[in-house]
Amino acid sequence: MPGSTKAMAALTVVVLVVVTAYTVTIGSDGWLWFGWVLLGLLTLGMSVAARRT
């Protein structure tokens, strides 16, 4: 996995922790989860593309 893909995966995990903490302390926000899902899909796509090259 290239460095940029690893960095994107790490960012995705960090954002998941932040969104989860926000949800636990303040309450659920659908837009935060929607954004995290998009980030996760983007990370997955980058990972698949990196493996094909």
PDB file of N, CA and C in Angstrom:
ATOM      1  N   MET A   1       0.850  -1.171   0.000  1.00  0.00           N
ATOM      2  CA  MET A   1       0.000   0.000   0.000  1.00  0.00           C
ATOM      3  C   MET A   1       0.899   1.239   0.000  1.00  0.00           C
ATOM      4  N   PRO A   2       0.698   2.145  -0.938  1.00  0.00           N
ATOM      5  CA  PRO A   2       1.517   3.369  -0.960  1.00  0.00           C
ATOM      6  C   PRO A   2       1.291   4.231   0.281  1.00  0.00           C
ATOM      7  N   GLY A   3       2.226   5.143   0.516  1.00  0.00           N
ATOM      8  CA  GLY A   3       2.145   5.998   1.697  1.00  0.00           C
ATOM      9  C   GLY A   3       0.897   6.843   1.751  1.00  0.00           C
ATOM     10  N   SER A   4       0.445   7.352   0.602  1.00  0.00           N
ATOM     11  CA  SER A   4      -0.751   8.204   0.603  1.00  0.00           C
ATOM     12  C   SER A   4      -1.993   7.407   0.984  1.00  0.00           C
ATOM     13  N   THR A   5      -2.039   6.145   0.582  1.00  0.00           N
ATOM     14  CA  THR A   5      -3.190   5.310   0.931  1.00  0.00           C
ATOM     15  C   THR A   5      -3.172   4.976   2.418  1.00  0.00           C
ATOM     16  N   LYS A   6      -1.986   4.731   2.957  1.00  0.00           N
ATOM     17  CA  LYS A   6      -1.879   4.468   4.395  1.00  0.00           C
ATOM     18  C   LYS A   6      -2.289   5.702   5.197  1.00  0.00           C
ATOM     19  N   ALA A   7      -1.877   6.865   4.737  1.00  0.00           N
ATOM     20  CA  ALA A   7      -2.245   8.103   5.419  1.00  0.00           C
ATOM     21  C   ALA A   7      -3.751   8.319   5.367  1.00  0.00           C
ATOM     22  N   MET A   8      -4.353   8.023   4.222  1.00  0.00           N
ATOM     23  CA  MET A   8      -5.806   8.175   4.080  1.00  0.00           C
ATOM     24  C   MET A   8      -6.536   7.194   5.000  1.00  0.00           C
ATOM     25  N   ALA A   9      -6.033   5.973   5.121  1.00  0.00           N
ATOM     26  CA  ALA A   9      -6.642   4.987   6.011  1.00  0.00           C
ATOM     27  C   ALA A   9      -6.524   5.440   7.472  1.00  0.00           C
ATOM     28  N   ALA A  10      -5.379   5.976   7.834  1.00  0.00           N
ATOM     29  CA  ALA A  10      -5.194   6.473   9.200  1.00  0.00           C
ATOM     30  C   ALA A  10      -6.133   7.643   9.476  1.00  0.00           C
ATOM     31  N   LEU A  11      -6.271   8.534   8.511  1.00  0.00           N
ATOM     32  CA  LEU A  11      -7.182   9.666   8.664  1.00  0.00           C
ATOM     33  C   LEU A  11      -8.620   9.185   8.838  1.00  0.00           C
ATOM     34  N   THR A  12      -9.003   8.164   8.084  1.00  0.00           N
ATOM     35  CA  THR A  12     -10.353   7.621   8.181  1.00  0.00           C
ATOM     36  C   THR A  12     -10.620   7.070   9.574  1.00  0.00           C
ATOM     37  N   VAL A  13      -9.652   6.372  10.133  1.00  0.00           N
ATOM     38  CA  VAL A  13      -9.807   5.819  11.479  1.00  0.00           C
ATOM     39  C   VAL A  13      -9.894   6.942  12.515  1.00  0.00           C
ATOM     40  N   VAL A  14      -9.055   7.947  12.377  1.00  0.00           N
ATOM     41  CA  VAL A  14      -9.083   9.082  13.314  1.00  0.00           C
ATOM     42  C   VAL A  14     -10.423   9.800  13.243  1.00  0.00           C
ATOM     43  N   VAL A  15     -10.923  10.014  12.031  1.00  0.00           N
ATOM     44  CA  VAL A  15     -12.213  10.689  11.878  1.00  0.00           C
ATOM     45  C   VAL A  15     -13.331   9.835  12.470  1.00  0.00           C
ATOM     46  N   LEU A  16     -13.260   8.512  12.328  1.00  0.00           N
ATOM     47  CA  LEU A  16     -14.261   7.635  12.940  1.00  0.00           C
ATOM     48  C   LEU A  16     -14.268   7.807  14.454  1.00  0.00           C
ATOM     49  N   VAL A  17     -13.097   7.861  15.060  1.00  0.00           N
ATOM     50  CA  VAL A  17     -13.014   8.047  16.515  1.00  0.00           C
ATOM     51  C   VAL A  17     -13.610   9.398  16.914  1.00  0.00           C
ATOM     52  N   VAL A  18     -13.301  10.439  16.159  1.00  0.00           N
ATOM     53  CA  VAL A  18     -13.816  11.780  16.474  1.00  0.00           C
ATOM     54  C   VAL A  18     -15.336  11.825  16.322  1.00  0.00           C
ATOM     55  N   VAL A  19     -15.848  11.262  15.242  1.00  0.00           N
ATOM     56  CA  VAL A  19     -17.302  11.272  15.016  1.00  0.00           C
ATOM     57  C   VAL A  19     -18.008  10.457  16.095  1.00  0.00           C
ATOM     58  N   THR A  20     -17.424   9.331  16.477  1.00  0.00           N
ATOM     59  CA  THR A  20     -18.021   8.518  17.538  1.00  0.00           C
ATOM     60  C   THR A  20     -18.024   9.271  18.861  1.00  0.00           C
ATOM     61  N   ALA A  21     -16.924   9.925  19.191  1.00  0.00           N
ATOM     62  CA  ALA A  21     -16.859  10.703  20.428  1.00  0.00           C
ATOM     63  C   ALA A  21     -17.870  11.843  20.406  1.00  0.00           C
ATOM     64  N   TYR A  22     -18.008  12.505  19.273  1.00  0.00           N
ATOM     65  CA  TYR A  22     -18.985  13.581  19.135  1.00  0.00           C
ATOM     66  C   TYR A  22     -20.399  13.053  19.354  1.00  0.00           C
ATOM     67  N   THR A  23     -20.673  11.897  18.757  1.00  0.00           N
ATOM     68  CA  THR A  23     -22.004  11.306  18.890  1.00  0.00           C
ATOM     69  C   THR A  23     -22.298  10.927  20.330  1.00  0.00           C
ATOM     70  N   VAL A  24     -21.312  10.396  21.026  1.00  0.00           N
ATOM     71  CA  VAL A  24     -21.515   9.990  22.416  1.00  0.00           C
ATOM     72  C   VAL A  24     -21.718  11.199  23.317  1.00  0.00           C
ATOM     73  N   THR A  25     -20.941  12.261  23.112  1.00  0.00           N
ATOM     74  CA  THR A  25     -21.006  13.401  24.029  1.00  0.00           C
ATOM     75  C   THR A  25     -22.122  14.380  23.688  1.00  0.00           C
ATOM     76  N   ILE A  26     -22.318  14.693  22.426  1.00  0.00           N
ATOM     77  CA  ILE A  26     -23.263  15.744  22.044  1.00  0.00           C
ATOM     78  C   ILE A  26     -24.549  15.182  21.455  1.00  0.00           C
ATOM     79  N   GLY A  27     -24.437  14.113  20.698  1.00  0.00           N
ATOM     80  CA  GLY A  27     -25.599  13.517  20.063  1.00  0.00           C
ATOM     81  C   GLY A  27     -25.307  13.247  18.598  1.00  0.00           C
ATOM     82  N   SER A  28     -26.145  12.433  18.030  1.00  0.00           N
ATOM     83  CA  SER A  28     -25.925  12.002  16.657  1.00  0.00           C
ATOM     84  C   SER A  28     -26.173  13.133  15.665  1.00  0.00           C
ATOM     85  N   ASP A  29     -25.328  13.193  14.657  1.00  0.00           N
ATOM     86  CA  ASP A  29     -25.493  14.132  13.557  1.00  0.00           C
ATOM     87  C   ASP A  29     -25.336  13.332  12.271  1.00  0.00           C
ATOM     88  N   GLY A  30     -26.418  13.202  11.535  1.00  0.00           N
ATOM     89  CA  GLY A  30     -26.410  12.392  10.332  1.00  0.00           C
ATOM     90  C   GLY A  30     -25.391  12.830   9.303  1.00  0.00           C
ATOM     91  N   TRP A  31     -25.155  14.146   9.209  1.00  0.00           N
ATOM     92  CA  TRP A  31     -24.194  14.647   8.219  1.00  0.00           C
ATOM     93  C   TRP A  31     -22.774  14.211   8.535  1.00  0.00           C
ATOM     94  N   LEU A  32     -22.436  14.130   9.825  1.00  0.00           N
ATOM     95  CA  LEU A  32     -21.101  13.655  10.198  1.00  0.00           C
ATOM     96  C   LEU A  32     -20.911  12.208   9.774  1.00  0.00           C
ATOM     97  N   TRP A  33     -21.911  11.374  10.030  1.00  0.00           N
ATOM     98  CA  TRP A  33     -21.815   9.971   9.641  1.00  0.00           C
ATOM     99  C   TRP A  33     -21.814   9.824   8.125  1.00  0.00           C
ATOM    100  N   PHE A  34     -22.609  10.621   7.439  1.00  0.00           N
ATOM    101  CA  PHE A  34     -22.630  10.599   5.975  1.00  0.00           C
ATOM    102  C   PHE A  34     -21.249  10.956   5.429  1.00  0.00           C
ATOM    103  N   GLY A  35     -20.637  11.991   5.991  1.00  0.00           N
ATOM    104  CA  GLY A  35     -19.298  12.391   5.572  1.00  0.00           C
ATOM    105  C   GLY A  35     -18.279  11.314   5.852  1.00  0.00           C
ATOM    106  N   TRP A  36     -18.403  10.638   7.008  1.00  0.00           N
ATOM    107  CA  TRP A  36     -17.459   9.584   7.320  1.00  0.00           C
ATOM    108  C   TRP A  36     -17.610   8.406   6.354  1.00  0.00           C
ATOM    109  N   VAL A  37     -18.843   8.065   6.011  1.00  0.00           N
ATOM    110  CA  VAL A  37     -19.067   6.980   5.051  1.00  0.00           C
ATOM    111  C   VAL A  37     -18.450   7.340   3.698  1.00  0.00           C
ATOM    112  N   LEU A  38     -18.618   8.582   3.261  1.00  0.00           N
ATOM    113  CA  LEU A  38     -18.000   9.003   1.997  1.00  0.00           C
ATOM    114  C   LEU A  38     -16.480   8.915   2.076  1.00  0.00           C
ATOM    115  N   LEU A  39     -15.912   9.351   3.191  1.00  0.00           N
ATOM    116  CA  LEU A  39     -14.467   9.259   3.378  1.00  0.00           C
ATOM    117  C   LEU A  39     -14.012   7.802   3.359  1.00  0.00           C
ATOM    118  N   GLY A  40     -14.764   6.940   4.000  1.00  0.00           N
ATOM    119  CA  GLY A  40     -14.432   5.514   4.005  1.00  0.00           C
ATOM    120  C   GLY A  40     -14.489   4.910   2.610  1.00  0.00           C
ATOM    121  N   LEU A  41     -15.507   5.275   1.841  1.00  0.00           N
ATOM    122  CA  LEU A  41     -15.619   4.770   0.470  1.00  0.00           C
ATOM    123  C   LEU A  41     -14.477   5.283  -0.398  1.00  0.00           C
ATOM    124  N   LEU A  42     -14.113   6.536  -0.210  1.00  0.00           N
ATOM    125  CA  LEU A  42     -12.985   7.100  -0.948  1.00  0.00           C
ATOM    126  C   LEU A  42     -11.690   6.372  -0.597  1.00  0.00           C
ATOM    127  N   THR A  43     -11.491   6.097   0.678  1.00  0.00           N
ATOM    128  CA  THR A  43     -10.308   5.362   1.124  1.00  0.00           C
ATOM    129  C   THR A  43     -10.291   3.955   0.538  1.00  0.00           C
ATOM    130  N   LEU A  44     -11.433   3.296   0.556  1.00  0.00           N
ATOM    131  CA  LEU A  44     -11.530   1.962  -0.021  1.00  0.00           C
ATOM    132  C   LEU A  44     -11.210   1.994  -1.516  1.00  0.00           C
ATOM    133  N   GLY A  45     -11.750   2.977  -2.212  1.00  0.00           N
ATOM    134  CA  GLY A  45     -11.466   3.103  -3.638  1.00  0.00           C
ATOM    135  C   GLY A  45      -9.998   3.339  -3.920  1.00  0.00           C
ATOM    136  N   MET A  46      -9.358   4.171  -3.099  1.00  0.00           N
ATOM    137  CA  MET A  46      -7.918   4.419  -3.268  1.00  0.00           C
ATOM    138  C   MET A  46      -7.116   3.147  -3.022  1.00  0.00           C
ATOM    139  N   SER A  47      -7.536   2.373  -2.035  1.00  0.00           N
ATOM    140  CA  SER A  47      -6.832   1.130  -1.719  1.00  0.00           C
ATOM    141  C   SER A  47      -6.946   0.132  -2.873  1.00  0.00           C
ATOM    142  N   VAL A  48      -8.145   0.006  -3.417  1.00  0.00           N
ATOM    143  CA  VAL A  48      -8.345  -0.912  -4.547  1.00  0.00           C
ATOM    144  C   VAL A  48      -7.554  -0.451  -5.762  1.00  0.00           C
ATOM    145  N   ALA A  49      -7.576   0.846  -6.036  1.00  0.00           N
ATOM    146  CA  ALA A  49      -6.838   1.375  -7.177  1.00  0.00           C
ATOM    147  C   ALA A  49      -5.334   1.181  -7.012  1.00  0.00           C
ATOM    148  N   ALA A  50      -4.830   1.326  -5.798  1.00  0.00           N
ATOM    149  CA  ALA A  50      -3.400   1.157  -5.544  1.00  0.00           C
ATOM    150  C   ALA A  50      -2.968  -0.288  -5.724  1.00  0.00           C
ATOM    151  N   ARG A  51      -3.843  -1.223  -5.394  1.00  0.00           N
ATOM    152  CA  ARG A  51      -3.487  -2.638  -5.529  1.00  0.00           C
ATOM    153  C   ARG A  51      -3.480  -3.084  -6.985  1.00  0.00           C
ATOM    154  N   ARG A  52      -4.260  -2.416  -7.824  1.00  0.00           N
ATOM    155  CA  ARG A  52      -4.331  -2.782  -9.238  1.00  0.00           C
ATOM    156  C   ARG A  52      -3.141  -2.276 -10.039  1.00  0.00           C
ATOM    157  N   THR A  53      -2.414  -1.311  -9.495  1.00  0.00           N
ATOM    158  CA  THR A  53      -1.282  -0.749 -10.244  1.00  0.00           C
ATOM    159  C   THR A  53       0.011  -1.383  -9.837  1.00  0.00           C
TER     160      THR A  53
END
